[in-house]
PDB file of N, CA and C in Angstrom:
ATOM      1  N   MET A   1     -75.878 131.380  89.246  1.00  0.00           N
ATOM      2  CA  MET A   1     -77.316 131.431  89.188  1.00  0.00           C
ATOM      3  C   MET A   1     -77.861 130.417  88.182  1.00  0.00           C
ATOM      4  N   ARG A   2     -77.225 130.340  87.039  1.00  0.00           N
ATOM      5  CA  ARG A   2     -77.687 129.439  85.993  1.00  0.00           C
ATOM      6  C   ARG A   2     -77.500 127.976  86.396  1.00  0.00           C
ATOM      7  N   ARG A   3     -76.409 127.711  87.079  1.00  0.00           N
ATOM      8  CA  ARG A   3     -76.141 126.345  87.520  1.00  0.00           C
ATOM      9  C   ARG A   3     -77.160 125.903  88.568  1.00  0.00           C
ATOM     10  N   MET A   4     -77.547 126.816  89.440  1.00  0.00           N
ATOM     11  CA  MET A   4     -78.532 126.510  90.461  1.00  0.00           C
ATOM     12  C   MET A   4     -79.899 126.220  89.825  1.00  0.00           C
ATOM     13  N   ALA A   5     -80.255 126.966  88.793  1.00  0.00           N
ATOM     14  CA  ALA A   5     -81.525 126.738  88.103  1.00  0.00           C
ATOM     15  C   ALA A   5     -81.511 125.386  87.401  1.00  0.00           C
ATOM     16  N   MET A   6     -80.405 125.040  86.809  1.00  0.00           N
ATOM     17  CA  MET A   6     -80.286 123.753  86.122  1.00  0.00           C
ATOM     18  C   MET A   6     -80.379 122.603  87.125  1.00  0.00           C
ATOM     19  N   THR A   7     -79.774 122.785  88.296  1.00  0.00           N
ATOM     20  CA  THR A   7     -79.845 121.771  89.339  1.00  0.00           C
ATOM     21  C   THR A   7     -81.284 121.582  89.810  1.00  0.00           C
ATOM     22  N   LYS A   8     -82.025 122.682  89.951  1.00  0.00           N
ATOM     23  CA  LYS A   8     -83.429 122.600  90.356  1.00  0.00           C
ATOM     24  C   LYS A   8     -84.254 121.855  89.313  1.00  0.00           C
ATOM     25  N   VAL A   9     -84.013 122.150  88.049  1.00  0.00           N
ATOM     26  CA  VAL A   9     -84.749 121.488  86.974  1.00  0.00           C
ATOM     27  C   VAL A   9     -84.453 119.992  86.978  1.00  0.00           C
ATOM     28  N   MET A  10     -83.211 119.630  87.145  1.00  0.00           N
ATOM     29  CA  MET A  10     -82.832 118.215  87.170  1.00  0.00           C
ATOM     30  C   MET A  10     -83.453 117.501  88.374  1.00  0.00           C
ATOM     31  N   LEU A  11     -83.445 118.159  89.525  1.00  0.00           N
ATOM     32  CA  LEU A  11     -84.016 117.568  90.730  1.00  0.00           C
ATOM     33  C   LEU A  11     -85.525 117.375  90.584  1.00  0.00           C
ATOM     34  N   ILE A  12     -86.204 118.377  90.061  1.00  0.00           N
ATOM     35  CA  ILE A  12     -87.654 118.282  89.872  1.00  0.00           C
ATOM     36  C   ILE A  12     -87.993 117.204  88.860  1.00  0.00           C
ATOM     37  N   SER A  13     -87.246 117.138  87.768  1.00  0.00           N
ATOM     38  CA  SER A  13     -87.530 116.105  86.767  1.00  0.00           C
ATOM     39  C   SER A  13     -87.246 114.705  87.313  1.00  0.00           C
ATOM     40  N   ALA A  14     -86.218 114.551  88.130  1.00  0.00           N
ATOM     41  CA  ALA A  14     -85.929 113.250  88.737  1.00  0.00           C
ATOM     42  C   ALA A  14     -87.031 112.848  89.711  1.00  0.00           C
ATOM     43  N   LEU A  15     -87.518 113.793  90.495  1.00  0.00           N
ATOM     44  CA  LEU A  15     -88.604 113.496  91.427  1.00  0.00           C
ATOM     45  C   LEU A  15     -89.894 113.148  90.695  1.00  0.00           C
ATOM     46  N   MET A  16     -90.203 113.888  89.648  1.00  0.00           N
ATOM     47  CA  MET A  16     -91.426 113.623  88.884  1.00  0.00           C
ATOM     48  C   MET A  16     -91.365 112.259  88.204  1.00  0.00           C
ATOM     49  N   SER A  17     -90.219 111.925  87.622  1.00  0.00           N
ATOM     50  CA  SER A  17     -90.112 110.624  86.952  1.00  0.00           C
ATOM     51  C   SER A  17     -90.176 109.479  87.956  1.00  0.00           C
ATOM     52  N   SER A  18     -89.598 109.651  89.137  1.00  0.00           N
ATOM     53  CA  SER A  18     -89.687 108.592  90.144  1.00  0.00           C
ATOM     54  C   SER A  18     -91.115 108.446  90.661  1.00  0.00           C
ATOM     55  N   MET A  19     -91.860 109.540  90.765  1.00  0.00           N
ATOM     56  CA  MET A  19     -93.263 109.458  91.176  1.00  0.00           C
ATOM     57  C   MET A  19     -94.098 108.762  90.109  1.00  0.00           C
ATOM     58  N   LEU A  20     -93.830 109.049  88.846  1.00  0.00           N
ATOM     59  CA  LEU A  20     -94.572 108.404  87.770  1.00  0.00           C
ATOM     60  C   LEU A  20     -94.293 106.909  87.720  1.00  0.00           C
ATOM     61  N   LEU A  21     -93.045 106.523  87.901  1.00  0.00           N
ATOM     62  CA  LEU A  21     -92.693 105.106  87.865  1.00  0.00           C
ATOM     63  C   LEU A  21     -93.224 104.359  89.086  1.00  0.00           C
ATOM     64  N   ALA A  22     -93.246 105.005  90.231  1.00  0.00           N
ATOM     65  CA  ALA A  22     -93.744 104.356  91.440  1.00  0.00           C
ATOM     66  C   ALA A  22     -95.263 104.238  91.424  1.00  0.00           C
ATOM     67  N   GLY A  23     -95.940 105.059  90.656  1.00  0.00           N
ATOM     68  CA  GLY A  23     -97.397 105.015  90.597  1.00  0.00           C
ATOM     69  C   GLY A  23     -97.934 103.755  89.962  1.00  0.00           C
ATOM     70  N   CYS A  24     -97.161 103.088  89.135  1.00  0.00           N
ATOM     71  CA  CYS A  24     -97.609 101.872  88.449  1.00  0.00           C
ATOM     72  C   CYS A  24     -97.103 100.607  89.122  1.00  0.00           C
ATOM     73  N   SER A  25     -96.525 100.706  90.277  1.00  0.00           N
ATOM     74  CA  SER A  25     -95.902  99.531  90.884  1.00  0.00           C
ATOM     75  C   SER A  25     -96.896  98.588  91.545  1.00  0.00           C
ATOM     76  N   GLY A  26     -98.064  99.050  91.909  1.00  0.00           N
ATOM     77  CA  GLY A  26     -99.018  98.199  92.622  1.00  0.00           C
ATOM     78  C   GLY A  26    -100.229  97.819  91.807  1.00  0.00           C
ATOM     79  N   LEU A  27    -100.066  97.564  90.525  1.00  0.00           N
ATOM     80  CA  LEU A  27    -101.207  97.265  89.676  1.00  0.00           C
ATOM     81  C   LEU A  27    -101.451  95.779  89.474  1.00  0.00           C
ATOM     82  N   GLY A  28    -100.837  94.941  90.243  1.00  0.00           N
ATOM     83  CA  GLY A  28    -101.004  93.504  90.075  1.00  0.00           C
ATOM     84  C   GLY A  28    -102.382  93.027  90.511  1.00  0.00           C
ATOM     85  N   VAL A  29    -102.782  91.873  90.009  1.00  0.00           N
ATOM     86  CA  VAL A  29    -104.069  91.280  90.357  1.00  0.00           C
ATOM     87  C   VAL A  29    -103.864  90.356  91.550  1.00  0.00           C
ATOM     88  N   LYS A  30    -104.648  90.558  92.576  1.00  0.00           N
ATOM     89  CA  LYS A  30    -104.567  89.724  93.775  1.00  0.00           C
ATOM     90  C   LYS A  30    -105.170  88.349  93.493  1.00  0.00           C
ATOM     91  N   PRO A  31    -104.707  87.305  94.186  1.00  0.00           N
ATOM     92  CA  PRO A  31    -105.227  85.954  93.923  1.00  0.00           C
ATOM     93  C   PRO A  31    -106.734  85.835  94.101  1.00  0.00           C
ATOM     94  N   TRP A  32    -107.315  86.546  95.044  1.00  0.00           N
ATOM     95  CA  TRP A  32    -108.761  86.448  95.261  1.00  0.00           C
ATOM     96  C   TRP A  32    -109.559  87.236  94.228  1.00  0.00           C
ATOM     97  N   GLU A  33    -108.891  88.069  93.411  1.00  0.00           N
ATOM     98  CA  GLU A  33    -109.571  88.810  92.350  1.00  0.00           C
ATOM     99  C   GLU A  33    -109.544  88.076  91.012  1.00  0.00           C
ATOM    100  N   ARG A  34    -108.750  87.062  90.900  1.00  0.00           N
ATOM    101  CA  ARG A  34    -108.611  86.358  89.620  1.00  0.00           C
ATOM    102  C   ARG A  34    -109.858  85.579  89.248  1.00  0.00           C
ATOM    103  N   GLY A  35    -110.605  85.105  90.217  1.00  0.00           N
ATOM    104  CA  GLY A  35    -111.828  84.367  89.928  1.00  0.00           C
ATOM    105  C   GLY A  35    -112.845  85.232  89.198  1.00  0.00           C
ATOM    106  N   VAL A  36    -112.951  86.492  89.588  1.00  0.00           N
ATOM    107  CA  VAL A  36    -113.886  87.410  88.937  1.00  0.00           C
ATOM    108  C   VAL A  36    -113.425  87.721  87.514  1.00  0.00           C
ATOM    109  N   LEU A  37    -112.131  87.885  87.332  1.00  0.00           N
ATOM    110  CA  LEU A  37    -111.611  88.226  86.010  1.00  0.00           C
ATOM    111  C   LEU A  37    -111.655  87.047  85.053  1.00  0.00           C
ATOM    112  N   ALA A  38    -111.760  85.836  85.564  1.00  0.00           N
ATOM    113  CA  ALA A  38    -111.787  84.660  84.702  1.00  0.00           C
ATOM    114  C   ALA A  38    -113.185  84.335  84.191  1.00  0.00           C
ATOM    115  N   LYS A  39    -114.191  85.062  84.645  1.00  0.00           N
ATOM    116  CA  LYS A  39    -115.560  84.795  84.186  1.00  0.00           C
ATOM    117  C   LYS A  39    -115.691  85.108  82.704  1.00  0.00           C
ATOM    118  N   GLU A  40    -116.610  84.404  82.058  1.00  0.00           N
ATOM    119  CA  GLU A  40    -116.778  84.543  80.607  1.00  0.00           C
ATOM    120  C   GLU A  40    -117.183  85.959  80.208  1.00  0.00           C
ATOM    121  N   GLU A  41    -118.015  86.602  80.998  1.00  0.00           N
ATOM    122  CA  GLU A  41    -118.457  87.956  80.638  1.00  0.00           C
ATOM    123  C   GLU A  41    -117.363  89.005  80.788  1.00  0.00           C
ATOM    124  N   MET A  42    -116.258  88.644  81.437  1.00  0.00           N
ATOM    125  CA  MET A  42    -115.143  89.574  81.592  1.00  0.00           C
ATOM    126  C   MET A  42    -114.105  89.439  80.476  1.00  0.00           C
ATOM    127  N   GLN A  43    -114.256  88.474  79.595  1.00  0.00           N
ATOM    128  CA  GLN A  43    -113.302  88.259  78.514  1.00  0.00           C
ATOM    129  C   GLN A  43    -113.462  89.332  77.447  1.00  0.00           C
ATOM    130  N   LEU A  44    -112.362  89.740  76.839  1.00  0.00           N
ATOM    131  CA  LEU A  44    -112.427  90.713  75.751  1.00  0.00           C
ATOM    132  C   LEU A  44    -113.102  90.110  74.530  1.00  0.00           C
ATOM    133  N   ILE A  45    -112.779  88.862  74.245  1.00  0.00           N
ATOM    134  CA  ILE A  45    -113.367  88.157  73.107  1.00  0.00           C
ATOM    135  C   ILE A  45    -114.066  86.928  73.673  1.00  0.00           C
ATOM    136  N   SER A  46    -115.396  86.966  73.716  1.00  0.00           N
ATOM    137  CA  SER A  46    -116.120  85.857  74.328  1.00  0.00           C
ATOM    138  C   SER A  46    -116.372  84.716  73.351  1.00  0.00           C
ATOM    139  N   ASP A  47    -116.448  85.000  72.051  1.00  0.00           N
ATOM    140  CA  ASP A  47    -116.717  83.965  71.055  1.00  0.00           C
ATOM    141  C   ASP A  47    -115.535  83.891  70.095  1.00  0.00           C
ATOM    142  N   ALA A  48    -114.785  82.803  70.160  1.00  0.00           N
ATOM    143  CA  ALA A  48    -113.569  82.671  69.354  1.00  0.00           C
ATOM    144  C   ALA A  48    -113.879  82.566  67.864  1.00  0.00           C
ATOM    145  N   VAL A  49    -114.977  81.906  67.505  1.00  0.00           N
ATOM    146  CA  VAL A  49    -115.330  81.759  66.088  1.00  0.00           C
ATOM    147  C   VAL A  49    -115.689  83.114  65.494  1.00  0.00           C
ATOM    148  N   GLU A  50    -116.478  83.890  66.223  1.00  0.00           N
ATOM    149  CA  GLU A  50    -116.859  85.215  65.743  1.00  0.00           C
ATOM    150  C   GLU A  50    -115.640  86.124  65.615  1.00  0.00           C
ATOM    151  N   ALA A  51    -114.710  86.026  66.560  1.00  0.00           N
ATOM    152  CA  ALA A  51    -113.492  86.828  66.496  1.00  0.00           C
ATOM    153  C   ALA A  51    -112.650  86.435  65.288  1.00  0.00           C
ATOM    154  N   GLY A  52    -112.582  85.135  64.985  1.00  0.00           N
ATOM    155  CA  GLY A  52    -111.835  84.682  63.811  1.00  0.00           C
ATOM    156  C   GLY A  52    -112.446  85.187  62.521  1.00  0.00           C
ATOM    157  N   LEU A  53    -113.776  85.163  62.438  1.00  0.00           N
ATOM    158  CA  LEU A  53    -114.443  85.685  61.240  1.00  0.00           C
ATOM    159  C   LEU A  53    -114.237  87.188  61.103  1.00  0.00           C
ATOM    160  N   ASP A  54    -114.337  87.907  62.212  1.00  0.00           N
ATOM    161  CA  ASP A  54    -114.102  89.353  62.171  1.00  0.00           C
ATOM    162  C   ASP A  54    -112.684  89.668  61.717  1.00  0.00           C
ATOM    163  N   ASP A  55    -111.707  88.921  62.229  1.00  0.00           N
ATOM    164  CA  ASP A  55    -110.319  89.125  61.809  1.00  0.00           C
ATOM    165  C   ASP A  55    -110.147  88.828  60.327  1.00  0.00           C
ATOM    166  N   HIS A  56    -110.780  87.770  59.847  1.00  0.00           N
ATOM    167  CA  HIS A  56    -110.668  87.408  58.433  1.00  0.00           C
ATOM    168  C   HIS A  56    -111.239  88.515  57.546  1.00  0.00           C
ATOM    169  N   ILE A  57    -112.388  89.036  57.908  1.00  0.00           N
ATOM    170  CA  ILE A  57    -113.002  90.114  57.127  1.00  0.00           C
ATOM    171  C   ILE A  57    -112.140  91.366  57.182  1.00  0.00           C
ATOM    172  N   TYR A  58    -111.650  91.707  58.366  1.00  0.00           N
ATOM    173  CA  TYR A  58    -110.832  92.915  58.516  1.00  0.00           C
ATOM    174  C   TYR A  58    -109.567  92.836  57.672  1.00  0.00           C
ATOM    175  N   PHE A  59    -108.843  91.719  57.775  1.00  0.00           N
ATOM    176  CA  PHE A  59    -107.582  91.618  57.053  1.00  0.00           C
ATOM    177  C   PHE A  59    -107.796  91.449  55.560  1.00  0.00           C
ATOM    178  N   SER A  60    -108.930  90.906  55.143  1.00  0.00           N
ATOM    179  CA  SER A  60    -109.236  90.829  53.716  1.00  0.00           C
ATOM    180  C   SER A  60    -109.500  92.214  53.150  1.00  0.00           C
ATOM    181  N   LYS A  61    -110.224  93.032  53.896  1.00  0.00           N
ATOM    182  CA  LYS A  61    -110.528  94.388  53.428  1.00  0.00           C
ATOM    183  C   LYS A  61    -109.307  95.288  53.470  1.00  0.00           C
ATOM    184  N   GLU A  62    -108.399  95.023  54.384  1.00  0.00           N
ATOM    185  CA  GLU A  62    -107.192  95.829  54.487  1.00  0.00           C
ATOM    186  C   GLU A  62    -106.162  95.448  53.430  1.00  0.00           C
ATOM    187  N   ALA A  63    -106.397  94.369  52.723  1.00  0.00           N
ATOM    188  CA  ALA A  63    -105.498  93.884  51.670  1.00  0.00           C
ATOM    189  C   ALA A  63    -104.117  93.538  52.219  1.00  0.00           C
ATOM    190  N   THR A  64    -104.107  93.005  53.405  1.00  0.00           N
ATOM    191  CA  THR A  64    -102.839  92.580  53.988  1.00  0.00           C
ATOM    192  C   THR A  64    -102.601  91.122  53.664  1.00  0.00           C
ATOM    193  N   SER A  65    -101.359  90.753  53.666  1.00  0.00           N
ATOM    194  CA  SER A  65    -101.005  89.375  53.333  1.00  0.00           C
ATOM    195  C   SER A  65    -100.540  88.662  54.593  1.00  0.00           C
ATOM    196  N   GLY A  66    -101.186  87.563  54.901  1.00  0.00           N
ATOM    197  CA  GLY A  66    -100.752  86.760  56.033  1.00  0.00           C
ATOM    198  C   GLY A  66    -101.153  87.300  57.383  1.00  0.00           C
ATOM    199  N   GLY A  67    -102.192  88.086  57.455  1.00  0.00           N
ATOM    200  CA  GLY A  67    -102.615  88.650  58.725  1.00  0.00           C
ATOM    201  C   GLY A  67    -103.256  87.615  59.620  1.00  0.00           C
ATOM    202  N   ARG A  68    -102.679  87.360  60.774  1.00  0.00           N
ATOM    203  CA  ARG A  68    -103.202  86.445  61.778  1.00  0.00           C
ATOM    204  C   ARG A  68    -103.499  85.058  61.232  1.00  0.00           C
ATOM    205  N   GLY A  69    -102.656  84.548  60.402  1.00  0.00           N
ATOM    206  CA  GLY A  69    -102.815  83.190  59.922  1.00  0.00           C
ATOM    207  C   GLY A  69    -103.619  83.059  58.647  1.00  0.00           C
ATOM    208  N   PHE A  70    -104.136  84.143  58.123  1.00  0.00           N
ATOM    209  CA  PHE A  70    -104.889  84.094  56.875  1.00  0.00           C
ATOM    210  C   PHE A  70    -103.996  84.577  55.754  1.00  0.00           C
ATOM    211  N   GLY A  71    -103.872  83.801  54.701  1.00  0.00           N
ATOM    212  CA  GLY A  71    -103.093  84.220  53.552  1.00  0.00           C
ATOM    213  C   GLY A  71    -103.979  84.910  52.545  1.00  0.00           C
ATOM    214  N   GLY A  72    -103.387  85.591  51.631  1.00  0.00           N
ATOM    215  CA  GLY A  72    -104.169  86.176  50.546  1.00  0.00           C
ATOM    216  C   GLY A  72    -104.202  87.681  50.594  1.00  0.00           C
ATOM    217  N   GLY A  73    -104.902  88.226  49.625  1.00  0.00           N
ATOM    218  CA  GLY A  73    -104.933  89.672  49.480  1.00  0.00           C
ATOM    219  C   GLY A  73    -106.280  90.271  49.797  1.00  0.00           C
ATOM    220  N   GLY A  74    -106.635  91.329  49.078  1.00  0.00           N
ATOM    221  CA  GLY A  74    -107.796  92.123  49.408  1.00  0.00           C
ATOM    222  C   GLY A  74    -109.105  91.678  48.811  1.00  0.00           C
ATOM    223  N   CYS A  75    -109.149  90.595  48.043  1.00  0.00           N
ATOM    224  CA  CYS A  75    -110.414  90.207  47.420  1.00  0.00           C
ATOM    225  C   CYS A  75    -111.353  89.527  48.404  1.00  0.00           C
ATOM    226  N   GLY A  76    -110.852  88.943  49.472  1.00  0.00           N
ATOM    227  CA  GLY A  76    -111.682  88.291  50.467  1.00  0.00           C
ATOM    228  C   GLY A  76    -112.166  86.919  50.057  1.00  0.00           C
ATOM    229  N   CYS A  77    -111.564  86.310  49.047  1.00  0.00           N
ATOM    230  CA  CYS A  77    -112.060  85.037  48.528  1.00  0.00           C
ATOM    231  C   CYS A  77    -111.184  83.858  48.918  1.00  0.00           C
ATOM    232  N   ASN A  78    -110.309  83.986  49.902  1.00  0.00           N
ATOM    233  CA  ASN A  78    -109.426  82.877  50.217  1.00  0.00           C
ATOM    234  C   ASN A  78    -110.248  81.757  50.746  1.00  0.00           C
TER     235      ASN A  78
END
């Protein structure tokens, strides 16, 4: 009885994991959809200068050293 229950658990877990892995198999971008994704308003960071300044302020306040190409510590005066 115990062996049969263990077999059922293993079978169910194998089926569930295969369903989860197969669910992500078709997430690619089609060639005709790439034009829409390449538009400027679809970019995560539309202004590179503003993103660089934001990163500089963030890493200065976090007191990290060498974050994203900026050296120095937490004073923000580099």
